[in-house]
Structures are given as structure tokens and as C-alpha cells.
């Protein structure tokens, strides 16, 4: 059973007056954690897509780049997205609950934030209100400014890109340490690892841009030294 079918079935079981947040609350424990993750990405993404005042077709299409949606599941996925846009729950509620769901496991939270950046840049612009939205979500997730800037640099064209920051090492770190950090990040970004920490198989495409940034940073440092 696909993740979209599982969400659709959960939505069908809602009592009158309940919203998408009720489904999230029911499914945020194993083995349904990947379903809750999907709902959180869509709910936060739909709210963030409106942060600049409108939801463009490109931003809606960005969900297709984050999630693999088969033709037979398009109706279910569209229903979830429409409910997310209409949901009265604030984005901070979803952000705090998914933070509590994963606790100190910041890998899934980083995955989610990267997905939101992808959606924000889908229309070719990075609006100030989107930046404020993502900063607040990152703060709720417990990310400091350096971590936020590192993720931001993967997506925003005019952001400063520090290859050492991408790998999470100091500029004066010896090459063996830099190589070890690069290798660990590559392992952590493998689809199997992402699924193991709560991402649905439909969302492992979130890792593609991160892997490009990780490898580019390693090549830049190696070439410079």
C-alpha cells in the first residue's frame, strides 16, 4: 500500500470537523512515522508556499520533485495538499510536533528543512518572508544560525558557500578529518539511511541536492590543498 493511500484512508476516518493535524497526531509514532513525515512536509510546504503571498504552479509542482507520485495516486496526493492549504493549524504547531517526534535525531529534521527550501526556490525567487519562515522553522528544530546558513547555501543562488561549513569541519582541519567528515555525510545521505530515519521511499529524492553539495565541497577543498 502506498503512502498516499494510507494517508487517504486516514483522512477518510476523520470525524467531522477534524483536520489534517488530527491525522498527523495519529500517525506520528512507528510504524507510521514516515506517513507523519510526509504530512509534515506537505503541511509546512503548503503554508510556506503562501508566505510570499501566493502559491504558484511551480511551487505546487515542486512537490512532485520532492515526492514520487504515481498517476494512480495523484488524486490522493492532491487531496492532502488541498487540505494542507486549508488547514487552520499554524506552521509552528507542525514544526514543534515533528521536533518532538524525532527528538535529538536531527537528520530527519534536516531532510525536512531541505525539502522546504526546494519548494521555496521552485518559482525562481527567494522571498524575504520565505526566509523568515524557514529561519523560524529551523530555530524550532534546534538548528543554530551556522547550521541554517549551511543548508541555505545549498539552495539560494546568492548565498555564500563555504565548503568547510557544508562538511561541518573547521577551515584548518587536517585532510584526514575532512575526508572522514565527507565520507560520513555521504553515508548518511544514502537512501537506505534516510528511510531508516523516517523518510518514506517516495521522498528520498530530497537527498539528491545535498549529495551534490557534499561532493562539490569535498572537491573544492581537495583541489585547493
Protein backbone atom coordinates (compact mmCIF):
# COMPACT_ATOMS: atom_id res chain seq x y z
CA UNK A 1 0.00 0.00 0.00
CA UNK A 2 1.44 3.38 -1.00
CA UNK A 3 1.93 6.18 1.47
CA UNK A 4 -0.70 8.29 -0.32
CA UNK A 5 -3.30 5.54 0.02
CA UNK A 6 -2.52 5.21 3.73
CA UNK A 7 -2.98 8.95 4.23
CA UNK A 8 -6.19 8.94 2.21
CA UNK A 9 -7.59 6.12 4.34
CA UNK A 10 -6.66 8.03 7.50
CA UNK A 11 -8.36 11.14 6.15
CA UNK A 12 -11.50 9.14 5.40
CA UNK A 13 -11.63 8.06 9.04
CA UNK A 14 -11.63 11.62 10.35
CA UNK A 15 -14.53 12.71 12.47
CA UNK A 16 -16.49 15.70 11.23
CA UNK A 17 -14.66 18.90 11.96
CA UNK A 18 -11.21 17.30 12.32
CA UNK A 19 -8.40 18.46 10.07
CA UNK A 20 -5.07 17.29 8.72
CA UNK A 21 -3.38 17.85 12.08
CA UNK A 22 -5.54 15.11 13.60
CA UNK A 23 -4.18 12.62 11.03
CA UNK A 24 -0.65 13.76 11.79
CA UNK A 25 -1.16 13.22 15.52
CA UNK A 26 -2.50 9.72 14.99
CA UNK A 27 0.34 8.65 12.70
CA UNK A 28 3.45 10.20 14.25
CA UNK A 29 4.62 7.03 16.01
CA UNK A 30 6.23 3.96 14.43
CA UNK A 31 5.42 2.23 12.12
CA UNK A 32 3.57 5.22 10.65
CA UNK A 33 6.29 7.79 11.23
CA UNK A 34 7.06 8.08 7.52
CA UNK A 35 3.40 8.95 6.90
CA UNK A 36 3.55 11.69 9.53
CA UNK A 37 6.79 12.97 7.97
CA UNK A 38 5.05 13.23 4.61
CA UNK A 39 2.13 15.12 6.11
CA UNK A 40 4.53 17.50 7.89
CA UNK A 41 6.42 18.28 4.68
CA UNK A 42 3.21 18.94 2.80
CA UNK A 43 1.60 20.96 5.59
CA UNK A 44 4.68 23.11 6.20
CA UNK A 45 5.37 23.35 2.47
CA UNK A 46 1.84 24.47 1.66
CA UNK A 47 1.98 27.13 4.37
CA UNK A 48 5.43 28.29 3.33
CA UNK A 49 4.41 28.42 -0.33
CA UNK A 50 1.89 31.07 0.73
CA UNK A 51 4.48 33.00 2.73
CA UNK A 52 5.21 35.28 -0.23
CA UNK A 53 1.51 35.96 -0.73
CA UNK A 54 0.61 33.38 -3.36
CA UNK A 55 1.01 29.73 -4.34
CA UNK A 56 2.44 29.36 -7.83
CA UNK A 57 2.13 26.38 -10.13
CA UNK A 58 5.88 25.89 -9.84
CA UNK A 59 5.66 25.62 -6.07
CA UNK A 60 2.89 23.05 -6.36
CA UNK A 61 4.95 21.23 -8.97
CA UNK A 62 7.88 21.22 -6.55
CA UNK A 63 6.07 18.60 -4.52
CA UNK A 64 6.50 16.29 -7.49
CA UNK A 65 10.24 16.87 -7.29
CA UNK A 66 10.28 16.03 -3.59
CA UNK A 67 7.85 13.11 -3.70
CA UNK A 68 7.40 10.41 -6.30
CA UNK A 69 3.69 10.44 -7.13
CA UNK A 70 2.38 7.78 -9.50
CA UNK A 71 -0.54 8.65 -11.80
CA UNK A 72 -2.95 6.45 -9.86
CA UNK A 73 -2.12 8.29 -6.63
CA UNK A 74 -2.44 11.83 -7.97
CA UNK A 75 -5.94 12.34 -6.60
CA UNK A 76 -4.95 11.23 -3.10
CA UNK A 77 -1.85 13.44 -3.11
CA UNK A 78 -3.85 16.41 -4.39
CA UNK A 79 -6.39 15.97 -1.61
CA UNK A 80 -3.68 16.04 1.05
CA UNK A 81 -2.15 19.18 -0.45
CA UNK A 82 -5.53 20.95 -0.64
CA UNK A 83 -6.27 20.06 2.99
CA UNK A 84 -2.86 21.40 3.99
CA UNK A 85 -3.56 24.73 2.30
CA UNK A 86 -6.91 24.99 4.11
CA UNK A 87 -5.60 23.77 7.48
CA UNK A 88 -6.14 26.32 10.23
CA UNK A 89 -3.29 24.96 12.38
CA UNK A 90 -0.26 27.25 12.37
CA UNK A 91 3.02 26.13 10.83
CA UNK A 92 4.71 26.40 14.21
CA UNK A 93 2.39 23.71 15.59
CA UNK A 94 3.56 21.23 12.95
CA UNK A 95 7.19 22.27 13.40
CA UNK A 96 7.10 21.78 17.17
CA UNK A 97 5.30 18.45 16.95
CA UNK A 98 7.64 16.99 14.40
CA UNK A 99 10.58 18.23 16.50
CA UNK A 100 9.10 16.35 19.47
CA UNK A 101 8.51 13.33 17.24
CA UNK A 102 12.19 12.98 16.31
CA UNK A 103 13.74 14.47 19.45
CA UNK A 104 17.52 14.64 19.15
CA UNK A 105 17.51 12.86 15.77
CA UNK A 106 18.24 15.93 13.68
CA UNK A 107 18.76 14.02 10.43
CA UNK A 108 15.05 13.83 9.53
CA UNK A 109 14.61 17.48 10.55
CA UNK A 110 17.42 18.48 8.22
CA UNK A 111 15.79 16.43 5.45
CA UNK A 112 12.51 18.24 6.01
CA UNK A 113 14.10 21.70 6.03
CA UNK A 114 15.88 20.94 2.76
CA UNK A 115 12.57 19.90 1.23
CA UNK A 116 11.07 23.22 2.28
CA UNK A 117 13.96 25.12 0.70
CA UNK A 118 13.39 23.20 -2.52
CA UNK A 119 9.74 24.29 -2.53
CA UNK A 120 10.64 27.90 -1.67
CA UNK A 121 13.01 28.19 -4.64
CA UNK A 122 10.71 26.39 -7.09
CA UNK A 123 9.39 29.67 -8.53
CA UNK A 124 12.91 31.03 -9.10
CA UNK A 125 12.72 33.59 -6.29
CA UNK A 126 13.60 33.56 -2.61
CA UNK A 127 11.28 35.96 -0.88
CA UNK A 128 12.16 37.67 2.40
CA UNK A 129 9.04 36.25 4.04
CA UNK A 130 10.09 32.74 2.98
CA UNK A 131 13.49 33.30 4.56
CA UNK A 132 11.84 34.41 7.80
CA UNK A 133 9.56 31.37 7.71
CA UNK A 134 12.45 28.95 7.23
CA UNK A 135 14.59 30.63 9.89
CA UNK A 136 11.79 30.23 12.41
CA UNK A 137 11.24 26.57 11.50
CA UNK A 138 14.99 25.94 11.76
CA UNK A 139 15.04 27.59 15.20
CA UNK A 140 12.15 25.39 16.36
CA UNK A 141 14.10 22.37 15.12
CA UNK A 142 17.03 23.48 17.29
CA UNK A 143 19.37 24.48 14.45
CA UNK A 144 21.75 27.34 15.16
CA UNK A 145 22.43 30.07 12.60
CA UNK A 146 25.52 28.33 11.23
CA UNK A 147 23.52 25.17 10.51
CA UNK A 148 20.77 27.21 8.88
CA UNK A 149 23.22 29.12 6.69
CA UNK A 150 24.86 25.87 5.62
CA UNK A 151 21.56 24.45 4.41
CA UNK A 152 20.53 27.77 2.91
CA UNK A 153 23.72 27.89 0.84
CA UNK A 154 22.73 24.67 -0.92
CA UNK A 155 19.67 26.33 -2.39
CA UNK A 156 19.83 30.13 -2.51
CA UNK A 157 21.90 31.23 -5.55
CA UNK A 158 23.43 34.35 -3.97
CA UNK A 159 24.21 32.72 -0.61
CA UNK A 160 27.83 32.44 0.46
CA UNK A 161 29.05 28.88 0.02
CA UNK A 162 31.73 27.72 2.43
CA UNK A 163 32.84 24.17 1.56
CA UNK A 164 34.11 23.63 5.12
CA UNK A 165 30.72 24.64 6.52
CA UNK A 166 28.99 22.22 4.16
CA UNK A 167 31.09 19.37 5.56
CA UNK A 168 30.83 20.66 9.13
CA UNK A 169 34.59 20.99 9.72
CA UNK A 170 36.88 23.89 10.61
CA UNK A 171 38.91 25.52 7.80
CA UNK A 172 42.15 24.39 9.45
CA UNK A 173 41.03 20.77 9.86
CA UNK A 174 43.58 18.23 8.55
CA UNK A 175 42.70 16.41 5.34
CA UNK A 176 42.07 13.03 7.03
CA UNK A 177 39.43 14.70 9.20
CA UNK A 178 37.89 16.46 6.20
CA UNK A 179 37.80 13.19 4.26
CA UNK A 180 36.20 11.37 7.20
CA UNK A 181 33.52 14.07 7.52
CA UNK A 182 32.80 13.89 3.78
CA UNK A 183 32.57 10.08 3.85
CA UNK A 184 30.22 10.13 6.86
CA UNK A 185 27.93 12.64 5.19
CA UNK A 186 27.85 10.53 2.03
CA UNK A 187 26.84 7.50 4.10
CA UNK A 188 24.19 9.49 5.98
CA UNK A 189 22.72 10.72 2.69
CA UNK A 190 22.32 7.23 1.24
CA UNK A 191 18.63 6.46 0.54
CA UNK A 192 18.67 3.43 2.85
CA UNK A 193 19.86 5.59 5.74
CA UNK A 194 17.23 8.22 5.01
CA UNK A 195 14.45 5.63 5.00
CA UNK A 196 15.80 4.17 8.24
CA UNK A 197 15.46 7.52 10.00
CA UNK A 198 11.85 8.04 9.00
CA UNK A 199 11.63 9.23 5.41
CA UNK A 200 9.21 7.46 3.08
CA UNK A 201 10.71 5.87 -0.06
CA UNK A 202 8.75 8.43 -2.08
CA UNK A 203 10.83 11.24 -0.58
CA UNK A 204 14.42 10.04 -0.89
CA UNK A 205 14.89 12.43 -3.79
CA UNK A 206 15.42 15.01 -1.05
CA UNK A 207 18.97 13.68 -0.80
CA UNK A 208 19.99 14.48 -4.37
CA UNK A 209 20.79 18.16 -3.90
CA UNK A 210 22.54 17.50 -0.59
CA UNK A 211 24.76 14.87 -2.18
CA UNK A 212 25.73 17.30 -4.94
CA UNK A 213 26.66 19.95 -2.35
CA UNK A 214 28.63 17.46 -0.25
CA UNK A 215 30.67 16.19 -3.18
CA UNK A 216 31.24 19.70 -4.56
CA UNK A 217 32.54 20.86 -1.18
CA UNK A 218 34.93 17.92 -0.95
CA UNK A 219 36.24 18.53 -4.47
CA UNK A 220 36.77 22.25 -3.77
CA UNK A 221 38.76 21.58 -0.60
CA UNK A 222 40.80 18.81 -2.20
CA UNK A 223 41.62 20.95 -5.23
CA UNK A 224 42.62 23.91 -3.06
CA UNK A 225 45.00 21.79 -0.98
